[in-house]
Amino acid sequence: MIGLIITRIILAAICFVGGVLMIVYRERIARVFGKNDLAEKYLGAGGTYNMWVVIGILVFFLGAVILLGKLEYFGL
């Protein structure tokens, strides 16, 4: 039981930090991976950067879901 709690805390911390870093360093990530044509088409100019912000926010909230233990509903 304690091991599960510690694992959740560690995974949540990784997701929190990863999500924030994705938002802060979105320009560098876009330079490494290149522009995303689909994001540019549907999100307009700068869509690739906005895509990385949205992904960062989703990763951040995934950390909150992991921390609260709500992934059990999905069998994870």
Protein backbone atom coordinates (compact mmCIF):
# COMPACT_ATOMS: atom_id res chain seq x y z
CA MET A 1 0.00 0.00 0.00
CA ILE A 2 2.76 2.45 0.92
CA GLY A 3 4.65 1.51 -2.25
CA LEU A 4 1.60 2.37 -4.35
CA ILE A 5 1.29 5.79 -2.72
CA ILE A 6 4.97 6.55 -3.22
CA THR A 7 4.75 5.43 -6.85
CA ARG A 8 1.76 7.72 -7.42
CA ILE A 9 3.59 10.66 -5.86
CA ILE A 10 6.70 10.08 -7.97
CA LEU A 11 4.72 9.65 -11.22
CA ALA A 12 2.63 12.74 -10.45
CA ALA A 13 5.76 14.80 -9.75
CA ILE A 14 7.28 13.66 -13.06
CA CYS A 15 4.08 14.62 -14.89
CA PHE A 16 3.88 18.01 -13.14
CA VAL A 17 7.48 18.87 -13.96
CA GLY A 18 7.21 17.46 -17.49
CA GLY A 19 4.04 19.43 -18.20
CA VAL A 20 5.52 22.68 -16.96
CA LEU A 21 8.73 22.12 -18.91
CA MET A 22 6.72 21.45 -22.08
CA ILE A 23 4.98 24.78 -21.66
CA VAL A 24 8.12 26.73 -20.81
CA TYR A 25 10.33 25.20 -23.50
CA ARG A 26 7.73 24.85 -26.27
CA GLU A 27 9.86 26.80 -28.73
CA ARG A 28 12.86 24.54 -28.25
CA ILE A 29 10.68 21.43 -28.51
CA ALA A 30 9.19 22.75 -31.74
CA ARG A 31 12.68 23.36 -33.13
CA VAL A 32 13.72 19.81 -32.29
CA PHE A 33 10.62 18.08 -33.65
CA GLY A 34 9.77 20.61 -36.36
CA LYS A 35 6.49 22.24 -37.26
CA ASN A 36 3.30 20.19 -37.14
CA ASP A 37 1.31 20.78 -40.33
CA LEU A 38 -1.95 19.63 -38.77
CA ALA A 39 -1.59 22.02 -35.83
CA GLU A 40 -0.63 24.88 -38.14
CA LYS A 41 -3.68 24.19 -40.32
CA TYR A 42 -6.29 23.98 -37.58
CA LEU A 43 -4.79 26.22 -34.88
CA GLY A 44 -3.54 28.94 -37.23
CA ALA A 45 -0.18 30.67 -37.19
CA GLY A 46 1.83 29.48 -34.21
CA GLY A 47 -0.32 26.39 -33.96
CA THR A 48 2.65 24.14 -33.26
CA TYR A 49 3.52 26.16 -30.16
CA ASN A 50 -0.09 26.13 -29.03
CA MET A 51 -0.18 22.35 -29.55
CA TRP A 52 2.79 21.91 -27.20
CA VAL A 53 1.09 24.11 -24.59
CA VAL A 54 -2.08 22.00 -24.78
CA ILE A 55 -0.04 18.78 -24.51
CA GLY A 56 1.83 20.23 -21.52
CA ILE A 57 -1.44 21.10 -19.79
CA LEU A 58 -2.80 17.60 -20.46
CA VAL A 59 0.36 16.02 -19.02
CA PHE A 60 0.08 18.27 -15.97
CA PHE A 61 -3.53 17.22 -15.38
CA LEU A 62 -2.59 13.59 -15.98
CA GLY A 63 -0.25 13.99 -13.00
CA ALA A 64 -3.15 15.23 -10.89
CA VAL A 65 -5.28 12.27 -11.97
CA ILE A 66 -2.46 9.88 -11.11
CA LEU A 67 -1.94 11.53 -7.73
CA LEU A 68 -5.62 11.27 -6.86
CA GLY A 69 -5.75 7.65 -7.99
CA LYS A 70 -8.53 8.17 -10.52
CA LEU A 71 -6.84 6.08 -13.24
CA GLU A 72 -8.19 2.98 -11.52
CA TYR A 73 -11.48 3.65 -13.29
CA PHE A 74 -9.70 2.98 -16.57
CA GLY A 75 -8.02 -0.19 -15.35
CA LEU A 76 -4.60 1.44 -14.90
